[in-house]
C-alpha atoms as a PDB file:
ATOM      1  CA  MET A   1     -13.475  -1.056 -51.210  1.00  0.00           C
ATOM      2  CA  LYS A   2     -16.580  -3.091 -50.479  1.00  0.00           C
ATOM      3  CA  ASN A   3     -16.583  -6.800 -51.199  1.00  0.00           C
ATOM      4  CA  LEU A   4     -18.212  -7.091 -54.608  1.00  0.00           C
ATOM      5  CA  SER A   5     -19.648 -10.344 -55.880  1.00  0.00           C
ATOM      6  CA  ILE A   6     -19.230 -11.407 -59.497  1.00  0.00           C
ATOM      7  CA  ALA A   7     -22.976 -10.761 -59.987  1.00  0.00           C
ATOM      8  CA  ALA A   8     -22.592  -7.207 -58.679  1.00  0.00           C
ATOM      9  CA  LEU A   9     -19.611  -6.642 -60.949  1.00  0.00           C
ATOM     10  CA  LEU A  10     -21.533  -7.945 -63.961  1.00  0.00           C
ATOM     11  CA  GLY A  11     -24.448  -5.713 -63.025  1.00  0.00           C
ATOM     12  CA  GLY A  12     -22.023  -2.813 -63.003  1.00  0.00           C
ATOM     13  CA  ALA A  13     -20.891  -3.712 -66.517  1.00  0.00           C
ATOM     14  CA  ALA A  14     -24.487  -3.505 -67.714  1.00  0.00           C
ATOM     15  CA  LEU A  15     -24.849  -0.126 -66.038  1.00  0.00           C
ATOM     16  CA  ILE A  16     -21.728   1.208 -67.759  1.00  0.00           C
ATOM     17  CA  LEU A  17     -22.893   0.093 -71.186  1.00  0.00           C
ATOM     18  CA  ALA A  18     -26.294   1.743 -70.778  1.00  0.00           C
ATOM     19  CA  GLY A  19     -26.659   4.970 -72.725  1.00  0.00           C
ATOM     20  CA  CYS A  20     -23.332   6.777 -72.480  1.00  0.00           C
ATOM     21  CA  GLY A  21     -23.266   7.877 -76.123  1.00  0.00           C
ATOM     22  CA  GLY A  22     -21.988  11.022 -77.809  1.00  0.00           C
ATOM     23  CA  GLY A  23     -18.567  12.692 -77.960  1.00  0.00           C
ATOM     24  CA  SER A  24     -15.102  11.435 -78.810  1.00  0.00           C
ATOM     25  CA  GLU A  25     -14.096   7.866 -77.982  1.00  0.00           C
ATOM     26  CA  GLU A  26     -11.946   9.059 -75.079  1.00  0.00           C
ATOM     27  CA  ALA A  27     -14.762  11.262 -73.785  1.00  0.00           C
ATOM     28  CA  ARG A  28     -17.279   8.400 -74.061  1.00  0.00           C
ATOM     29  CA  GLU A  29     -14.881   6.003 -72.281  1.00  0.00           C
ATOM     30  CA  LYS A  30     -14.369   8.528 -69.476  1.00  0.00           C
ATOM     31  CA  LYS A  31     -18.120   9.206 -69.227  1.00  0.00           C
ATOM     32  CA  MET A  32     -18.805   5.469 -68.809  1.00  0.00           C
ATOM     33  CA  GLU A  33     -16.015   5.110 -66.248  1.00  0.00           C
ATOM     34  CA  ASP A  34     -17.251   8.178 -64.326  1.00  0.00           C
ATOM     35  CA  GLN A  35     -20.807   6.822 -64.343  1.00  0.00           C
ATOM     36  CA  ALA A  36     -19.596   3.551 -62.829  1.00  0.00           C
ATOM     37  CA  ALA A  37     -17.532   5.418 -60.226  1.00  0.00           C
ATOM     38  CA  LYS A  38     -20.725   7.088 -58.963  1.00  0.00           C
ATOM     39  CA  TYR A  39     -21.766   3.611 -57.800  1.00  0.00           C
ATOM     40  CA  GLY A  40     -18.387   2.701 -56.314  1.00  0.00           C
ATOM     41  CA  ILE A  41     -17.342   0.621 -59.321  1.00  0.00           C
ATOM     42  CA  ASP A  42     -13.755   0.884 -60.577  1.00  0.00           C
ATOM     43  CA  ALA A  43     -14.092   0.331 -64.324  1.00  0.00           C
ATOM     44  CA  ASP A  44     -11.879   0.646 -67.379  1.00  0.00           C
ATOM     45  CA  VAL A  45     -13.760   0.969 -70.685  1.00  0.00           C
ATOM     46  CA  GLU A  46     -12.151   0.650 -74.111  1.00  0.00           C
ATOM     47  CA  LEU A  47     -13.921   1.482 -77.375  1.00  0.00           C
ATOM     48  CA  ASP A  48     -12.902   0.171 -80.795  1.00  0.00           C
ATOM     49  CA  ASP A  49     -12.243   2.306 -83.887  1.00  0.00           C
ATOM     50  CA  ASP A  50     -15.981   2.376 -84.672  1.00  0.00           C
ATOM     51  CA  GLY A  51     -16.834   3.711 -81.221  1.00  0.00           C
ATOM     52  CA  GLU A  52     -18.319   0.404 -80.108  1.00  0.00           C
ATOM     53  CA  VAL A  53     -17.458  -1.055 -76.717  1.00  0.00           C
ATOM     54  CA  LYS A  54     -14.438  -3.321 -77.183  1.00  0.00           C
ATOM     55  CA  SER A  55     -13.928  -4.213 -73.537  1.00  0.00           C
ATOM     56  CA  VAL A  56     -15.127  -3.359 -70.070  1.00  0.00           C
ATOM     57  CA  GLU A  57     -13.000  -4.335 -67.124  1.00  0.00           C
ATOM     58  CA  ILE A  58     -14.477  -3.970 -63.656  1.00  0.00           C
ATOM     59  CA  LYS A  59     -12.053  -4.352 -60.804  1.00  0.00           C
ATOM     60  CA  GLY A  60     -13.102  -5.949 -57.540  1.00  0.00           C
ATOM     61  CA  VAL A  61     -11.376  -6.811 -54.315  1.00  0.00           C
ATOM     62  CA  ASN A  62      -7.975  -8.545 -54.205  1.00  0.00           C
ATOM     63  CA  GLY A  63      -7.406  -8.216 -57.944  1.00  0.00           C
ATOM     64  CA  ALA A  64     -10.738  -9.718 -59.056  1.00  0.00           C
ATOM     65  CA  LYS A  65     -11.863  -8.471 -62.484  1.00  0.00           C
ATOM     66  CA  VAL A  66     -14.951  -8.956 -64.617  1.00  0.00           C
ATOM     67  CA  GLY A  67     -15.333  -7.888 -68.227  1.00  0.00           C
ATOM     68  CA  THR A  68     -14.655  -9.102 -71.728  1.00  0.00           C
ATOM     69  CA  GLY A  69     -11.370  -9.973 -73.368  1.00  0.00           C
ATOM     70  CA  LEU A  70      -9.456  -9.776 -70.105  1.00  0.00           C
ATOM     71  CA  ASP A  71      -5.777 -10.636 -69.915  1.00  0.00           C
ATOM     72  CA  LEU A  72      -4.461 -13.321 -67.623  1.00  0.00           C
ATOM     73  CA  PRO A  73      -3.499 -11.852 -64.269  1.00  0.00           C
ATOM     74  CA  ASP A  74       0.082 -11.081 -63.350  1.00  0.00           C
ATOM     75  CA  GLY A  75       1.731 -14.169 -61.894  1.00  0.00           C
ATOM     76  CA  PHE A  76      -0.550 -16.641 -63.692  1.00  0.00           C
ATOM     77  CA  PRO A  77       1.478 -19.867 -64.061  1.00  0.00           C
ATOM     78  CA  GLU A  78       3.045 -20.252 -67.506  1.00  0.00           C
ATOM     79  CA  ASP A  79       2.587 -24.033 -67.392  1.00  0.00           C
ATOM     80  CA  VAL A  80      -1.224 -23.806 -67.066  1.00  0.00           C
ATOM     81  CA  SER A  81      -2.802 -23.694 -70.522  1.00  0.00           C
ATOM     82  CA  VAL A  82      -5.487 -21.261 -71.635  1.00  0.00           C
ATOM     83  CA  SER A  83      -6.565 -21.358 -75.275  1.00  0.00           C
ATOM     84  CA  GLU A  84      -6.062 -18.174 -77.296  1.00  0.00           C
ATOM     85  CA  GLY A  85      -9.652 -18.605 -78.527  1.00  0.00           C
ATOM     86  CA  TRP A  86     -11.130 -18.179 -75.061  1.00  0.00           C
ATOM     87  CA  ASN A  87     -12.730 -14.842 -74.181  1.00  0.00           C
ATOM     88  CA  ILE A  88     -11.720 -14.370 -70.554  1.00  0.00           C
ATOM     89  CA  ALA A  89     -14.636 -12.784 -68.704  1.00  0.00           C
ATOM     90  CA  ALA A  90     -13.672 -13.064 -65.022  1.00  0.00           C
ATOM     91  CA  VAL A  91     -10.441 -13.379 -63.079  1.00  0.00           C
ATOM     92  CA  SER A  92     -10.100 -13.718 -59.336  1.00  0.00           C
ATOM     93  CA  PRO A  93      -7.536 -14.935 -56.858  1.00  0.00           C
ATOM     94  CA  ALA A  94      -7.965 -18.423 -55.388  1.00  0.00           C
ATOM     95  CA  PRO A  95      -6.120 -19.816 -52.350  1.00  0.00           C
ATOM     96  CA  GLY A  96      -2.524 -19.887 -53.596  1.00  0.00           C
ATOM     97  CA  GLY A  97      -3.654 -19.530 -57.209  1.00  0.00           C
ATOM     98  CA  PHE A  98      -6.215 -18.161 -59.629  1.00  0.00           C
ATOM     99  CA  SER A  99      -9.737 -18.705 -60.927  1.00  0.00           C
ATOM    100  CA  ILE A 100     -10.461 -17.818 -64.562  1.00  0.00           C
ATOM    101  CA  ASN A 101     -13.860 -17.849 -66.292  1.00  0.00           C
ATOM    102  CA  ALA A 102     -13.987 -17.779 -70.085  1.00  0.00           C
ATOM    103  CA  MET A 103     -16.412 -18.218 -72.969  1.00  0.00           C
ATOM    104  CA  THR A 104     -15.552 -20.040 -76.179  1.00  0.00           C
ATOM    105  CA  ASP A 105     -17.094 -21.300 -79.416  1.00  0.00           C
ATOM    106  CA  GLU A 106     -14.951 -24.453 -79.099  1.00  0.00           C
ATOM    107  CA  ASP A 107     -16.921 -27.623 -78.448  1.00  0.00           C
ATOM    108  CA  VAL A 108     -16.455 -29.636 -75.263  1.00  0.00           C
ATOM    109  CA  ASP A 109     -14.385 -32.389 -76.938  1.00  0.00           C
ATOM    110  CA  ALA A 110     -11.976 -29.790 -78.384  1.00  0.00           C
ATOM    111  CA  ILE A 111     -11.587 -28.106 -74.981  1.00  0.00           C
ATOM    112  CA  VAL A 112     -10.868 -31.432 -73.266  1.00  0.00           C
ATOM    113  CA  ALA A 113      -8.400 -32.439 -76.005  1.00  0.00           C
ATOM    114  CA  PHE A 114      -6.647 -29.062 -75.691  1.00  0.00           C
ATOM    115  CA  ALA A 115      -6.362 -29.379 -71.893  1.00  0.00           C
ATOM    116  CA  ARG A 116      -5.052 -32.947 -72.085  1.00  0.00           C
ATOM    117  CA  GLU A 117      -2.502 -32.177 -74.787  1.00  0.00           C
ATOM    118  CA  LYS A 118      -1.138 -28.933 -73.338  1.00  0.00           C
ATOM    119  CA  MET A 119      -1.192 -29.888 -69.667  1.00  0.00           C
ATOM    120  CA  THR A 120       0.419 -33.313 -70.241  1.00  0.00           C
ATOM    121  CA  ALA A 121       3.096 -31.682 -72.423  1.00  0.00           C
ATOM    122  CA  GLY A 122       3.719 -29.259 -69.544  1.00  0.00           C
ATOM    123  CA  GLY A 123       4.394 -32.084 -67.089  1.00  0.00           C
ATOM    124  CA  TRP A 124       0.942 -32.271 -65.498  1.00  0.00           C
ATOM    125  CA  THR A 125      -0.723 -35.623 -64.699  1.00  0.00           C
ATOM    126  CA  GLU A 126      -4.433 -36.090 -65.332  1.00  0.00           C
ATOM    127  CA  THR A 127      -6.057 -37.226 -62.076  1.00  0.00           C
ATOM    128  CA  GLN A 128      -9.768 -37.201 -62.830  1.00  0.00           C
ATOM    129  CA  PHE A 129     -12.236 -36.904 -65.690  1.00  0.00           C
ATOM    130  CA  ARG A 130     -15.962 -36.688 -64.961  1.00  0.00           C
ATOM    131  CA  GLN A 131     -19.238 -35.806 -66.609  1.00  0.00           C
ATOM    132  CA  PRO A 132     -21.584 -35.595 -63.617  1.00  0.00           C
ATOM    133  CA  VAL A 133     -24.388 -34.332 -65.884  1.00  0.00           C
ATOM    134  CA  PRO A 134     -24.506 -34.179 -69.693  1.00  0.00           C
ATOM    135  CA  GLN A 135     -23.941 -30.410 -69.724  1.00  0.00           C
ATOM    136  CA  MET A 136     -20.905 -30.467 -67.391  1.00  0.00           C
ATOM    137  CA  THR A 137     -17.424 -31.911 -67.857  1.00  0.00           C
ATOM    138  CA  THR A 138     -14.514 -31.671 -65.437  1.00  0.00           C
ATOM    139  CA  ILE A 139     -10.899 -32.624 -65.955  1.00  0.00           C
ATOM    140  CA  ASN A 140      -8.308 -32.316 -63.186  1.00  0.00           C
ATOM    141  CA  PHE A 141      -4.510 -32.305 -63.202  1.00  0.00           C
ATOM    142  CA  GLU A 142      -1.722 -32.360 -60.606  1.00  0.00           C
ATOM    143  CA  LYS A 143       1.900 -31.249 -60.766  1.00  0.00           C
ATOM    144  CA  ASP A 144       4.362 -30.632 -57.966  1.00  0.00           C
ATOM    145  CA  ALA A 145       2.259 -29.368 -55.065  1.00  0.00           C
ATOM    146  CA  ARG A 146      -0.401 -27.833 -57.335  1.00  0.00           C
ATOM    147  CA  LEU A 147      -3.846 -28.701 -58.671  1.00  0.00           C
ATOM    148  CA  THR A 148      -5.576 -27.443 -61.812  1.00  0.00           C
ATOM    149  CA  ALA A 149      -9.208 -28.120 -62.693  1.00  0.00           C
ATOM    150  CA  TYR A 150     -11.097 -27.274 -65.880  1.00  0.00           C
ATOM    151  CA  THR A 151     -14.897 -27.252 -65.573  1.00  0.00           C
ATOM    152  CA  ILE A 152     -16.699 -26.956 -68.900  1.00  0.00           C
ATOM    153  CA  MET A 153     -20.383 -26.061 -69.061  1.00  0.00           C
ATOM    154  CA  ASN A 154     -21.975 -26.954 -72.394  1.00  0.00           C
ATOM    155  CA  SER A 155     -24.474 -24.197 -73.052  1.00  0.00           C
ATOM    156  CA  GLY A 156     -25.057 -24.603 -76.755  1.00  0.00           C
ATOM    157  CA  ALA A 157     -23.504 -22.025 -79.073  1.00  0.00           C
ATOM    158  CA  GLN A 158     -20.924 -20.928 -76.521  1.00  0.00           C
ATOM    159  CA  ASN A 159     -19.360 -22.961 -73.772  1.00  0.00           C
ATOM    160  CA  SER A 160     -18.184 -21.702 -70.429  1.00  0.00           C
ATOM    161  CA  VAL A 161     -14.811 -22.801 -69.055  1.00  0.00           C
ATOM    162  CA  GLN A 162     -13.858 -22.289 -65.439  1.00  0.00           C
ATOM    163  CA  LEU A 163     -10.205 -22.952 -64.758  1.00  0.00           C
ATOM    164  CA  VAL A 164      -8.948 -23.047 -61.174  1.00  0.00           C
ATOM    165  CA  THR A 165      -5.264 -23.525 -60.413  1.00  0.00           C
ATOM    166  CA  MET A 166      -3.916 -23.523 -56.870  1.00  0.00           C
ATOM    167  CA  LYS A 167      -1.544 -25.069 -54.360  1.00  0.00           C
ATOM    168  CA  LYS A 168      -2.678 -28.385 -52.897  1.00  0.00           C
ATOM    169  CA  PRO A 169      -4.455 -27.848 -49.584  1.00  0.00           C
END
């Protein structure tokens, strides 16, 4: 499979959602998936009971995925906290770990408080807190021979959270 960038995968999601109406839910899901396959995109589409798109998962190289409402990848560390209210939109492997991108309605202070509470309770030590620009907040933790960083982008109504967890280099 070709190396696909996150932008290419997101572009594929838009392509899948464009105009594949008509037929049963299963037939519509398959039609969308087949349309994506024509462009070399491995996609899994799920419709809700009303026939609306519930989730689109586009699979990339090495287990990378882009979509909406994604699950945490197999092997994701149980002691790294992800809020149930986060809509996971991208998952990819990182060196000795994972990178997760999510969207949330939670405000920045609530996200930081969540990370501090859950990570500290899980035995992690906070090593850095920064706000390099007003719209960006980072909070880093260490435990054992691992690092975890939350980067929160304040974009108004919804905030973006990038969480990277990996072995120390």
